[in-house]
Amino acid sequence: MPRRWDEPFWIGDRFFSSEDIDRFKSIVKYFRRSTRTELAATLCDTLPWRSPNGALRIDSCMNLLDAMEASGFVELPPKRQLVPGRSAAKAEKQGEPLAPLEIAVPLADIQPISVVPVVSEEERLTWNATMARFHPLGYRRAFGARQHYWIVSEAGPTPRRLGGLLFGSSAKALEARERWIGWDNATRGRFRARIINNSRYLILPGVHVPHLASHVLGLTARRIRADWYAHYGFSPVLLETFVESPYRGTCYAASNWVCIGETVGRSRQDRYNTMRVPKKSIWMYPLVRHWREALVEPWPEQQHLAKEVFVQDEFW
């Protein structure tokens, strides 16, 4: 039997003791007739396993259950089959992308620019469809913690949406990032949640406004800690993103992001070291001045956003 589940270990901000593991196994055995989602919810509520804002860590628990099942450590209820036609009906629920724009003016002519969280289901569908239609990487859906934004020009009588951004979970492991930060695998496992990834950034085709892209990144950096805190109960410390050739990351460089190296050419879905993808440059942006210390502060954060100092200029 794999030893990794027999010893105390960390998952993010949660430390699992030997007593927790015994309780985990007992609950899995006792609730074997529950659905997997019900089982995960029961485990999170009983252990307890919650995020800093009090929400149950059901997604994290589901991932742990899947890993334990794959290793033979626990036996889970069989996966439920979807009712025929239900998944197809859900897949048909799609939004319409934004219409292309033709704007070629100085930045001052479309000011003020705002970065607006995407909130309603209708807007999420439109955001998804816009990314799927216009982003070079396409788009399906995001998983886990995430924050969507619209880029909006408030100039004129009617606001215009110029594009969007998505921030989500950071890469599980990046040799160049870990070396740059200066932490080991155990520390990364505990505090990686404080790094979030800008996985999509789109300015609509036809929008040609010098300095708009870097301006939007600055606006986002000023508000994303508060937005993330409102949803998840803690504030991110670092932003990361990847830039693939032929793109050079010009807007990130202009916004004081720092290129720290390259990926090794593997996908996050590459469990067996067999997939090869193009290497990308890795860009990082600290959201607070003393970011190395803030990365490893004990969970949960006891911070007051109104008193935080957001660094907007150079860090070094």
C-alpha atoms as a PDB file:
ATOM      1  CA  MET A   1       0.000   0.000   0.000  1.00  0.00           C
ATOM      2  CA  PRO A   2       1.417   3.434  -0.876  1.00  0.00           C
ATOM      3  CA  ARG A   3       3.077   5.060   2.088  1.00  0.00           C
ATOM      4  CA  ARG A   4       2.250   8.640   1.098  1.00  0.00           C
ATOM      5  CA  TRP A   5      -1.223   8.462   2.636  1.00  0.00           C
ATOM      6  CA  ASP A   6       0.052   6.895   5.877  1.00  0.00           C
ATOM      7  CA  GLU A   7       2.135   9.899   6.900  1.00  0.00           C
ATOM      8  CA  PRO A   8       1.026  13.442   7.855  1.00  0.00           C
ATOM      9  CA  PHE A   9       1.024  15.746   4.815  1.00  0.00           C
ATOM     10  CA  TRP A  10      -0.096  19.150   3.623  1.00  0.00           C
ATOM     11  CA  ILE A  11      -2.589  19.939   0.880  1.00  0.00           C
ATOM     12  CA  GLY A  12      -2.504  23.685   0.363  1.00  0.00           C
ATOM     13  CA  ASP A  13      -3.275  25.281   3.716  1.00  0.00           C
ATOM     14  CA  ARG A  14      -4.597  22.076   5.329  1.00  0.00           C
ATOM     15  CA  PHE A  15      -2.405  19.781   7.424  1.00  0.00           C
ATOM     16  CA  PHE A  16      -3.595  16.169   7.561  1.00  0.00           C
ATOM     17  CA  SER A  17      -2.576  14.252  10.672  1.00  0.00           C
ATOM     18  CA  SER A  18      -2.694  10.474  11.130  1.00  0.00           C
ATOM     19  CA  GLU A  19      -5.964  10.969  13.044  1.00  0.00           C
ATOM     20  CA  ASP A  20      -7.407  12.847  10.059  1.00  0.00           C
ATOM     21  CA  ILE A  21      -6.468   9.978   7.738  1.00  0.00           C
ATOM     22  CA  ASP A  22      -8.109   7.409  10.035  1.00  0.00           C
ATOM     23  CA  ARG A  23     -11.254   9.540  10.131  1.00  0.00           C
ATOM     24  CA  PHE A  24     -11.075   9.960   6.354  1.00  0.00           C
ATOM     25  CA  LYS A  25     -11.009   6.189   5.800  1.00  0.00           C
ATOM     26  CA  SER A  26     -13.852   5.595   8.248  1.00  0.00           C
ATOM     27  CA  ILE A  27     -16.115   8.170   6.605  1.00  0.00           C
ATOM     28  CA  VAL A  28     -15.417   6.783   3.133  1.00  0.00           C
ATOM     29  CA  LYS A  29     -16.338   3.297   4.351  1.00  0.00           C
ATOM     30  CA  TYR A  30     -19.433   4.403   6.277  1.00  0.00           C
ATOM     31  CA  PHE A  31     -20.853   6.573   3.486  1.00  0.00           C
ATOM     32  CA  ARG A  32     -20.109   4.134   0.659  1.00  0.00           C
ATOM     33  CA  ARG A  33     -23.685   4.471  -0.682  1.00  0.00           C
ATOM     34  CA  SER A  34     -23.405   8.238  -1.094  1.00  0.00           C
ATOM     35  CA  THR A  35     -22.490   9.956  -4.327  1.00  0.00           C
ATOM     36  CA  ARG A  36     -18.903  11.099  -4.610  1.00  0.00           C
ATOM     37  CA  THR A  37     -19.938  14.724  -4.279  1.00  0.00           C
ATOM     38  CA  GLU A  38     -21.962  13.955  -1.157  1.00  0.00           C
ATOM     39  CA  LEU A  39     -19.022  12.019   0.247  1.00  0.00           C
ATOM     40  CA  ALA A  40     -16.626  14.908  -0.407  1.00  0.00           C
ATOM     41  CA  ALA A  41     -19.014  17.372   1.234  1.00  0.00           C
ATOM     42  CA  THR A  42     -19.341  15.109   4.277  1.00  0.00           C
ATOM     43  CA  LEU A  43     -15.580  14.727   4.592  1.00  0.00           C
ATOM     44  CA  CYS A  44     -14.981  18.481   4.322  1.00  0.00           C
ATOM     45  CA  ASP A  45     -17.647  19.246   6.903  1.00  0.00           C
ATOM     46  CA  THR A  46     -16.488  16.568   9.360  1.00  0.00           C
ATOM     47  CA  LEU A  47     -12.713  16.978   9.256  1.00  0.00           C
ATOM     48  CA  PRO A  48     -13.229  20.057   8.838  1.00  0.00           C
ATOM     49  CA  TRP A  49     -11.653  21.134   5.555  1.00  0.00           C
ATOM     50  CA  ARG A  50     -12.612  24.657   4.582  1.00  0.00           C
ATOM     51  CA  SER A  51     -11.161  27.610   2.737  1.00  0.00           C
ATOM     52  CA  PRO A  52     -10.365  30.792   4.694  1.00  0.00           C
ATOM     53  CA  ASN A  53     -13.805  32.201   3.780  1.00  0.00           C
ATOM     54  CA  GLY A  54     -15.529  29.155   5.298  1.00  0.00           C
ATOM     55  CA  ALA A  55     -16.505  27.382   2.056  1.00  0.00           C
ATOM     56  CA  LEU A  56     -16.076  23.608   1.943  1.00  0.00           C
ATOM     57  CA  ARG A  57     -13.037  22.484  -0.074  1.00  0.00           C
ATOM     58  CA  ILE A  58     -15.102  20.055  -2.138  1.00  0.00           C
ATOM     59  CA  ASP A  59     -13.034  20.339  -5.343  1.00  0.00           C
ATOM     60  CA  SER A  60      -9.784  19.717  -3.468  1.00  0.00           C
ATOM     61  CA  CYS A  61     -11.359  16.808  -1.623  1.00  0.00           C
ATOM     62  CA  MET A  62     -12.622  15.280  -4.877  1.00  0.00           C
ATOM     63  CA  ASN A  63      -9.097  15.458  -6.305  1.00  0.00           C
ATOM     64  CA  LEU A  64      -7.690  13.777  -3.190  1.00  0.00           C
ATOM     65  CA  LEU A  65     -10.344  11.059  -3.331  1.00  0.00           C
ATOM     66  CA  ASP A  66      -9.541  10.378  -6.999  1.00  0.00           C
ATOM     67  CA  ALA A  67      -5.821  10.099  -6.202  1.00  0.00           C
ATOM     68  CA  MET A  68      -6.473   7.777  -3.243  1.00  0.00           C
ATOM     69  CA  GLU A  69      -8.742   5.590  -5.345  1.00  0.00           C
ATOM     70  CA  ALA A  70      -6.175   5.383  -8.154  1.00  0.00           C
ATOM     71  CA  SER A  71      -3.529   4.248  -5.646  1.00  0.00           C
ATOM     72  CA  GLY A  72      -5.847   1.621  -4.150  1.00  0.00           C
ATOM     73  CA  PHE A  73      -5.960   3.318  -0.753  1.00  0.00           C
ATOM     74  CA  VAL A  74      -9.761   3.712  -0.652  1.00  0.00           C
ATOM     75  CA  GLU A  75     -12.715   2.227  -2.506  1.00  0.00           C
ATOM     76  CA  LEU A  76     -15.176   4.868  -3.656  1.00  0.00           C
ATOM     77  CA  PRO A  77     -18.803   4.672  -4.748  1.00  0.00           C
ATOM     78  CA  PRO A  78     -19.132   4.116  -8.506  1.00  0.00           C
ATOM     79  CA  LYS A  79     -19.477   7.229 -10.609  1.00  0.00           C
ATOM     80  CA  ARG A  80     -23.076   8.064 -11.393  1.00  0.00           C
ATOM     81  CA  GLN A  81     -24.142   7.992 -15.022  1.00  0.00           C
ATOM     82  CA  LEU A  82     -25.796  11.135 -16.332  1.00  0.00           C
ATOM     83  CA  VAL A  83     -29.400  10.985 -17.452  1.00  0.00           C
ATOM     84  CA  PRO A  84     -29.397  10.618 -21.272  1.00  0.00           C
ATOM     85  CA  GLY A  85     -29.888  13.946 -22.981  1.00  0.00           C
ATOM     86  CA  ARG A  86     -29.203  16.057 -19.901  1.00  0.00           C
ATOM     87  CA  SER A  87     -25.525  16.668 -20.651  1.00  0.00           C
ATOM     88  CA  ALA A  88     -26.348  17.388 -24.291  1.00  0.00           C
ATOM     89  CA  ALA A  89     -28.961  19.954 -23.259  1.00  0.00           C
ATOM     90  CA  LYS A  90     -26.431  21.586 -20.972  1.00  0.00           C
ATOM     91  CA  ALA A  91     -23.847  21.694 -23.759  1.00  0.00           C
ATOM     92  CA  GLU A  92     -26.318  23.504 -26.002  1.00  0.00           C
ATOM     93  CA  LYS A  93     -26.459  26.389 -23.548  1.00  0.00           C
ATOM     94  CA  GLN A  94     -23.991  28.676 -25.262  1.00  0.00           C
ATOM     95  CA  GLY A  95     -23.549  32.392 -25.445  1.00  0.00           C
ATOM     96  CA  GLU A  96     -22.911  34.735 -28.336  1.00  0.00           C
ATOM     97  CA  PRO A  97     -19.464  36.323 -28.600  1.00  0.00           C
ATOM     98  CA  LEU A  98     -18.963  40.044 -28.611  1.00  0.00           C
ATOM     99  CA  ALA A  99     -19.112  41.685 -32.005  1.00  0.00           C
ATOM    100  CA  PRO A 100     -15.722  42.746 -33.428  1.00  0.00           C
ATOM    101  CA  LEU A 101     -14.856  46.413 -33.082  1.00  0.00           C
ATOM    102  CA  GLU A 102     -12.870  48.811 -35.224  1.00  0.00           C
ATOM    103  CA  ILE A 103     -11.079  51.253 -32.921  1.00  0.00           C
ATOM    104  CA  ALA A 104      -7.762  52.877 -33.794  1.00  0.00           C
ATOM    105  CA  VAL A 105      -7.319  55.903 -31.552  1.00  0.00           C
ATOM    106  CA  PRO A 106      -5.009  57.095 -28.743  1.00  0.00           C
ATOM    107  CA  LEU A 107      -5.701  55.665 -25.304  1.00  0.00           C
ATOM    108  CA  ALA A 108      -6.919  59.044 -24.035  1.00  0.00           C
ATOM    109  CA  ASP A 109      -9.802  58.960 -26.526  1.00  0.00           C
ATOM    110  CA  ILE A 110     -11.395  55.866 -24.950  1.00  0.00           C
ATOM    111  CA  GLN A 111     -10.727  56.723 -21.306  1.00  0.00           C
ATOM    112  CA  PRO A 112     -11.800  55.955 -18.697  1.00  0.00           C
ATOM    113  CA  ILE A 113     -11.032  52.259 -18.963  1.00  0.00           C
ATOM    114  CA  SER A 114     -12.275  49.900 -16.274  1.00  0.00           C
ATOM    115  CA  VAL A 115     -11.752  46.231 -15.480  1.00  0.00           C
ATOM    116  CA  VAL A 116     -15.139  44.813 -14.484  1.00  0.00           C
ATOM    117  CA  PRO A 117     -15.772  41.403 -12.869  1.00  0.00           C
ATOM    118  CA  VAL A 118     -18.007  39.107 -14.927  1.00  0.00           C
ATOM    119  CA  VAL A 119     -20.974  38.260 -12.730  1.00  0.00           C
ATOM    120  CA  SER A 120     -24.195  37.014 -14.331  1.00  0.00           C
ATOM    121  CA  GLU A 121     -24.648  33.673 -16.119  1.00  0.00           C
ATOM    122  CA  GLU A 122     -25.507  35.469 -19.346  1.00  0.00           C
ATOM    123  CA  GLU A 123     -22.302  37.485 -19.191  1.00  0.00           C
ATOM    124  CA  ARG A 124     -20.271  34.374 -18.394  1.00  0.00           C
ATOM    125  CA  LEU A 125     -21.676  32.684 -21.479  1.00  0.00           C
ATOM    126  CA  THR A 126     -20.805  35.733 -23.573  1.00  0.00           C
ATOM    127  CA  TRP A 127     -17.320  35.871 -22.040  1.00  0.00           C
ATOM    128  CA  ASN A 128     -16.760  32.163 -22.739  1.00  0.00           C
ATOM    129  CA  ALA A 129     -17.964  32.469 -26.317  1.00  0.00           C
ATOM    130  CA  THR A 130     -15.817  35.553 -26.938  1.00  0.00           C
ATOM    131  CA  MET A 131     -12.672  33.796 -25.726  1.00  0.00           C
ATOM    132  CA  ALA A 132     -13.507  30.669 -27.710  1.00  0.00           C
ATOM    133  CA  ARG A 133     -14.016  32.732 -30.856  1.00  0.00           C
ATOM    134  CA  PHE A 134     -11.143  35.204 -30.711  1.00  0.00           C
ATOM    135  CA  HIS A 135      -8.374  34.000 -28.384  1.00  0.00           C
ATOM    136  CA  PRO A 136      -5.450  32.248 -30.155  1.00  0.00           C
ATOM    137  CA  LEU A 137      -5.621  29.367 -27.649  1.00  0.00           C
ATOM    138  CA  GLY A 138      -9.398  29.051 -27.803  1.00  0.00           C
ATOM    139  CA  TYR A 139     -11.385  28.358 -24.658  1.00  0.00           C
ATOM    140  CA  ARG A 140     -13.579  25.661 -23.144  1.00  0.00           C
ATOM    141  CA  ARG A 141     -14.131  26.278 -19.464  1.00  0.00           C
ATOM    142  CA  ALA A 142     -12.197  27.045 -16.304  1.00  0.00           C
ATOM    143  CA  PHE A 143     -11.977  24.824 -13.235  1.00  0.00           C
ATOM    144  CA  GLY A 144     -11.345  25.650  -9.609  1.00  0.00           C
ATOM    145  CA  ALA A 145     -10.848  29.148  -8.223  1.00  0.00           C
ATOM    146  CA  ARG A 146     -11.101  31.794 -10.933  1.00  0.00           C
ATOM    147  CA  GLN A 147     -11.921  35.417 -11.659  1.00  0.00           C
ATOM    148  CA  HIS A 148     -13.232  36.666 -15.024  1.00  0.00           C
ATOM    149  CA  TYR A 149     -13.055  40.297 -16.118  1.00  0.00           C
ATOM    150  CA  TRP A 150     -14.380  42.449 -18.937  1.00  0.00           C
ATOM    151  CA  ILE A 151     -12.265  45.297 -20.274  1.00  0.00           C
ATOM    152  CA  VAL A 152     -14.669  48.225 -20.647  1.00  0.00           C
ATOM    153  CA  SER A 153     -14.339  51.663 -22.188  1.00  0.00           C
ATOM    154  CA  GLU A 154     -16.612  54.147 -20.416  1.00  0.00           C
ATOM    155  CA  ALA A 155     -16.094  56.863 -23.038  1.00  0.00           C
ATOM    156  CA  GLY A 156     -19.195  58.036 -24.846  1.00  0.00           C
ATOM    157  CA  PRO A 157     -22.874  57.485 -24.037  1.00  0.00           C
ATOM    158  CA  THR A 158     -22.637  53.646 -24.112  1.00  0.00           C
ATOM    159  CA  PRO A 159     -19.887  51.548 -22.473  1.00  0.00           C
ATOM    160  CA  ARG A 160     -18.059  49.258 -24.879  1.00  0.00           C
ATOM    161  CA  ARG A 161     -16.465  45.927 -23.956  1.00  0.00           C
ATOM    162  CA  LEU A 162     -13.048  45.705 -25.555  1.00  0.00           C
ATOM    163  CA  GLY A 163     -11.943  42.270 -24.354  1.00  0.00           C
ATOM    164  CA  GLY A 164     -11.480  40.208 -21.223  1.00  0.00           C
ATOM    165  CA  LEU A 165      -9.122  38.463 -18.806  1.00  0.00           C
ATOM    166  CA  LEU A 166      -9.157  35.279 -16.757  1.00  0.00           C
ATOM    167  CA  PHE A 167      -7.175  34.506 -13.618  1.00  0.00           C
ATOM    168  CA  GLY A 168      -7.129  31.047 -12.075  1.00  0.00           C
ATOM    169  CA  SER A 169      -4.978  28.525 -10.249  1.00  0.00           C
ATOM    170  CA  SER A 170      -1.243  28.713 -10.789  1.00  0.00           C
ATOM    171  CA  ALA A 171       0.871  25.998 -12.384  1.00  0.00           C
ATOM    172  CA  LYS A 172       1.424  23.074 -10.025  1.00  0.00           C
ATOM    173  CA  ALA A 173       5.189  23.106 -10.450  1.00  0.00           C
ATOM    174  CA  LEU A 174       7.614  25.346 -12.317  1.00  0.00           C
ATOM    175  CA  GLU A 175      11.320  24.835 -11.795  1.00  0.00           C
ATOM    176  CA  ALA A 176      12.196  28.404 -12.782  1.00  0.00           C
ATOM    177  CA  ARG A 177       9.475  29.869 -10.557  1.00  0.00           C
ATOM    178  CA  GLU A 178      10.406  27.823  -7.507  1.00  0.00           C
ATOM    179  CA  ARG A 179      14.071  28.737  -7.978  1.00  0.00           C
ATOM    180  CA  TRP A 180      13.185  32.434  -8.335  1.00  0.00           C
ATOM    181  CA  ILE A 181      11.008  32.408  -5.211  1.00  0.00           C
ATOM    182  CA  GLY A 182      13.402  30.215  -3.269  1.00  0.00           C
ATOM    183  CA  TRP A 183      11.097  27.558  -1.874  1.00  0.00           C
ATOM    184  CA  ASP A 184      11.098  23.760  -1.799  1.00  0.00           C
ATOM    185  CA  ASN A 185       8.368  21.331  -2.847  1.00  0.00           C
ATOM    186  CA  ALA A 186       6.775  21.164   0.590  1.00  0.00           C
ATOM    187  CA  THR A 187       6.532  24.939   0.888  1.00  0.00           C
ATOM    188  CA  ARG A 188       5.152  25.196  -2.636  1.00  0.00           C
ATOM    189  CA  GLY A 189       2.475  22.639  -1.783  1.00  0.00           C
ATOM    190  CA  ARG A 190       1.337  24.664   1.224  1.00  0.00           C
ATOM    191  CA  PHE A 191       1.325  28.142  -0.285  1.00  0.00           C
ATOM    192  CA  ARG A 192       0.947  27.796  -4.046  1.00  0.00           C
ATOM    193  CA  ALA A 193      -2.654  29.026  -3.779  1.00  0.00           C
ATOM    194  CA  ARG A 194      -1.280  32.531  -3.192  1.00  0.00           C
ATOM    195  CA  ILE A 195      -0.017  32.570  -6.779  1.00  0.00           C
ATOM    196  CA  ILE A 196      -2.665  32.977  -9.475  1.00  0.00           C
ATOM    197  CA  ASN A 197      -2.289  32.635 -13.218  1.00  0.00           C
ATOM    198  CA  ASN A 198      -3.425  35.021 -15.940  1.00  0.00           C
ATOM    199  CA  SER A 199      -4.426  32.203 -18.307  1.00  0.00           C
ATOM    200  CA  ARG A 200      -6.396  34.282 -20.814  1.00  0.00           C
ATOM    201  CA  TYR A 201      -5.978  37.869 -21.961  1.00  0.00           C
ATOM    202  CA  LEU A 202      -7.825  39.154 -25.006  1.00  0.00           C
ATOM    203  CA  ILE A 203      -8.247  42.526 -26.640  1.00  0.00           C
ATOM    204  CA  LEU A 204     -10.744  42.173 -29.464  1.00  0.00           C
ATOM    205  CA  PRO A 205      -9.491  42.106 -33.050  1.00  0.00           C
ATOM    206  CA  GLY A 206      -9.845  45.539 -34.565  1.00  0.00           C
ATOM    207  CA  VAL A 207      -9.024  47.351 -31.305  1.00  0.00           C
ATOM    208  CA  HIS A 208      -5.685  49.031 -31.983  1.00  0.00           C
ATOM    209  CA  VAL A 209      -5.011  51.385 -29.083  1.00  0.00           C
ATOM    210  CA  PRO A 210      -1.386  51.961 -28.091  1.00  0.00           C
ATOM    211  CA  HIS A 211      -0.617  51.213 -24.402  1.00  0.00           C
ATOM    212  CA  LEU A 212      -4.120  49.802 -23.760  1.00  0.00           C
ATOM    213  CA  ALA A 213      -2.878  46.299 -22.916  1.00  0.00           C
ATOM    214  CA  SER A 214      -0.339  47.440 -20.311  1.00  0.00           C
ATOM    215  CA  HIS A 215      -2.831  49.958 -18.893  1.00  0.00           C
ATOM    216  CA  VAL A 216      -5.373  47.164 -18.347  1.00  0.00           C
ATOM    217  CA  LEU A 217      -2.786  45.007 -16.579  1.00  0.00           C
ATOM    218  CA  GLY A 218      -2.090  47.874 -14.189  1.00  0.00           C
ATOM    219  CA  LEU A 219      -5.793  48.325 -13.464  1.00  0.00           C
ATOM    220  CA  THR A 220      -6.195  44.608 -12.817  1.00  0.00           C
ATOM    221  CA  ALA A 221      -3.229  44.464 -10.438  1.00  0.00           C
ATOM    222  CA  ARG A 222      -4.783  47.246  -8.349  1.00  0.00           C
ATOM    223  CA  ARG A 223      -8.045  45.401  -7.739  1.00  0.00           C
ATOM    224  CA  ILE A 224      -7.528  41.650  -8.019  1.00  0.00           C
ATOM    225  CA  ARG A 225      -6.433  41.127  -4.409  1.00  0.00           C
ATOM    226  CA  ALA A 226      -9.693  42.575  -3.142  1.00  0.00           C
ATOM    227  CA  ASP A 227     -11.774  40.676  -5.713  1.00  0.00           C
ATOM    228  CA  TRP A 228     -10.085  37.377  -4.891  1.00  0.00           C
ATOM    229  CA  TYR A 229     -10.474  37.985  -1.170  1.00  0.00           C
ATOM    230  CA  ALA A 230     -14.191  38.645  -1.597  1.00  0.00           C
ATOM    231  CA  HIS A 231     -14.660  35.246  -3.272  1.00  0.00           C
ATOM    232  CA  TYR A 232     -12.140  33.008  -1.528  1.00  0.00           C
ATOM    233  CA  GLY A 233     -11.249  34.613   1.778  1.00  0.00           C
ATOM    234  CA  PHE A 234      -7.558  35.236   1.101  1.00  0.00           C
ATOM    235  CA  SER A 235      -5.509  37.563  -1.070  1.00  0.00           C
ATOM    236  CA  PRO A 236      -3.069  36.440  -3.778  1.00  0.00           C
ATOM    237  CA  VAL A 237       0.524  37.604  -3.544  1.00  0.00           C
ATOM    238  CA  LEU A 238       1.957  36.873  -6.989  1.00  0.00           C
ATOM    239  CA  LEU A 239       0.579  36.849 -10.522  1.00  0.00           C
ATOM    240  CA  GLU A 240       2.047  34.588 -13.181  1.00  0.00           C
ATOM    241  CA  THR A 241       1.478  34.086 -16.887  1.00  0.00           C
ATOM    242  CA  PHE A 242       3.023  32.275 -19.839  1.00  0.00           C
ATOM    243  CA  VAL A 243       3.863  33.797 -23.205  1.00  0.00           C
ATOM    244  CA  GLU A 244       4.387  31.588 -26.244  1.00  0.00           C
ATOM    245  CA  SER A 245       6.268  32.562 -29.389  1.00  0.00           C
ATOM    246  CA  PRO A 246       5.763  34.510 -31.621  1.00  0.00           C
ATOM    247  CA  TYR A 247       4.393  36.744 -28.840  1.00  0.00           C
ATOM    248  CA  ARG A 248       7.056  38.523 -26.799  1.00  0.00           C
ATOM    249  CA  GLY A 249       5.199  39.656 -23.682  1.00  0.00           C
ATOM    250  CA  THR A 250       5.633  43.336 -24.541  1.00  0.00           C
ATOM    251  CA  CYS A 251       2.594  44.499 -22.561  1.00  0.00           C
ATOM    252  CA  TYR A 252       3.725  42.514 -19.494  1.00  0.00           C
ATOM    253  CA  ALA A 253       7.200  44.022 -19.670  1.00  0.00           C
ATOM    254  CA  ALA A 254       5.677  47.501 -19.981  1.00  0.00           C
ATOM    255  CA  SER A 255       3.627  46.781 -16.811  1.00  0.00           C
ATOM    256  CA  ASN A 256       6.719  45.806 -14.783  1.00  0.00           C
ATOM    257  CA  TRP A 257       6.132  42.064 -14.922  1.00  0.00           C
ATOM    258  CA  VAL A 258       9.429  40.148 -14.838  1.00  0.00           C
ATOM    259  CA  CYS A 259      10.440  37.309 -17.165  1.00  0.00           C
ATOM    260  CA  ILE A 260      12.084  34.690 -14.926  1.00  0.00           C
ATOM    261  CA  GLY A 261      12.780  31.889 -17.412  1.00  0.00           C
ATOM    262  CA  GLU A 262      11.031  29.299 -19.529  1.00  0.00           C
ATOM    263  CA  THR A 263       8.810  26.273 -19.024  1.00  0.00           C
ATOM    264  CA  VAL A 264      10.350  22.883 -19.773  1.00  0.00           C
ATOM    265  CA  GLY A 265       7.834  22.071 -22.504  1.00  0.00           C
ATOM    266  CA  ARG A 266       5.334  19.954 -20.584  1.00  0.00           C
ATOM    267  CA  SER A 267       1.586  20.301 -20.146  1.00  0.00           C
ATOM    268  CA  ARG A 268      -0.109  20.294 -16.745  1.00  0.00           C
ATOM    269  CA  GLN A 269      -2.057  17.238 -18.046  1.00  0.00           C
ATOM    270  CA  ASP A 270       1.227  15.378 -18.647  1.00  0.00           C
ATOM    271  CA  ARG A 271       1.115  12.771 -15.881  1.00  0.00           C
ATOM    272  CA  TYR A 272       3.604  10.384 -17.503  1.00  0.00           C
ATOM    273  CA  ASN A 273       6.222  12.794 -18.923  1.00  0.00           C
ATOM    274  CA  THR A 274       5.325  11.902 -22.493  1.00  0.00           C
ATOM    275  CA  MET A 275       3.626  15.059 -23.766  1.00  0.00           C
ATOM    276  CA  ARG A 276       5.705  17.794 -25.355  1.00  0.00           C
ATOM    277  CA  VAL A 277       4.365  21.285 -25.912  1.00  0.00           C
ATOM    278  CA  PRO A 278       6.119  24.484 -27.021  1.00  0.00           C
ATOM    279  CA  LYS A 279       8.214  26.168 -24.366  1.00  0.00           C
ATOM    280  CA  LYS A 280       6.833  29.427 -23.009  1.00  0.00           C
ATOM    281  CA  SER A 281       8.422  32.334 -21.193  1.00  0.00           C
ATOM    282  CA  ILE A 282       7.319  32.713 -17.571  1.00  0.00           C
ATOM    283  CA  TRP A 283       6.338  36.172 -16.322  1.00  0.00           C
ATOM    284  CA  MET A 284       5.695  37.097 -12.684  1.00  0.00           C
ATOM    285  CA  TYR A 285       4.266  40.161 -10.953  1.00  0.00           C
ATOM    286  CA  PRO A 286       4.364  40.731  -7.156  1.00  0.00           C
ATOM    287  CA  LEU A 287       1.245  42.400  -5.776  1.00  0.00           C
ATOM    288  CA  VAL A 288       2.821  43.534  -2.489  1.00  0.00           C
ATOM    289  CA  ARG A 289       6.216  44.954  -1.641  1.00  0.00           C
ATOM    290  CA  HIS A 290       7.469  42.247   0.755  1.00  0.00           C
ATOM    291  CA  TRP A 291       6.067  39.437  -1.329  1.00  0.00           C
ATOM    292  CA  ARG A 292       8.427  36.634  -0.282  1.00  0.00           C
ATOM    293  CA  GLU A 293       7.388  37.052   3.341  1.00  0.00           C
ATOM    294  CA  ALA A 294       3.705  37.407   2.407  1.00  0.00           C
ATOM    295  CA  LEU A 295       3.801  34.173   0.398  1.00  0.00           C
ATOM    296  CA  VAL A 296       4.496  32.053   3.468  1.00  0.00           C
ATOM    297  CA  GLU A 297       2.429  33.811   6.124  1.00  0.00           C
ATOM    298  CA  PRO A 298       0.438  31.320   8.223  1.00  0.00           C
ATOM    299  CA  TRP A 299      -3.057  30.532   6.971  1.00  0.00           C
ATOM    300  CA  PRO A 300      -5.587  32.022   7.173  1.00  0.00           C
ATOM    301  CA  GLU A 301      -4.455  35.536   6.384  1.00  0.00           C
ATOM    302  CA  GLN A 302      -5.434  38.118   8.962  1.00  0.00           C
ATOM    303  CA  GLN A 303      -5.265  41.111   6.666  1.00  0.00           C
ATOM    304  CA  HIS A 304      -7.317  44.254   6.249  1.00  0.00           C
ATOM    305  CA  LEU A 305      -7.440  45.202   2.605  1.00  0.00           C
ATOM    306  CA  ALA A 306      -8.034  48.854   3.348  1.00  0.00           C
ATOM    307  CA  LYS A 307      -4.628  49.044   5.030  1.00  0.00           C
ATOM    308  CA  GLU A 308      -2.644  47.166   2.415  1.00  0.00           C
ATOM    309  CA  VAL A 309      -0.089  48.956   0.295  1.00  0.00           C
ATOM    310  CA  PHE A 310      -0.388  48.081  -3.399  1.00  0.00           C
ATOM    311  CA  VAL A 311       2.919  48.534  -5.169  1.00  0.00           C
ATOM    312  CA  GLN A 312       2.434  50.100  -8.588  1.00  0.00           C
ATOM    313  CA  ASP A 313       5.983  50.903  -9.656  1.00  0.00           C
ATOM    314  CA  GLU A 314       9.282  49.045  -9.662  1.00  0.00           C
ATOM    315  CA  PHE A 315       9.937  46.331  -7.051  1.00  0.00           C
ATOM    316  CA  TRP A 316      13.709  46.069  -7.408  1.00  0.00           C
END
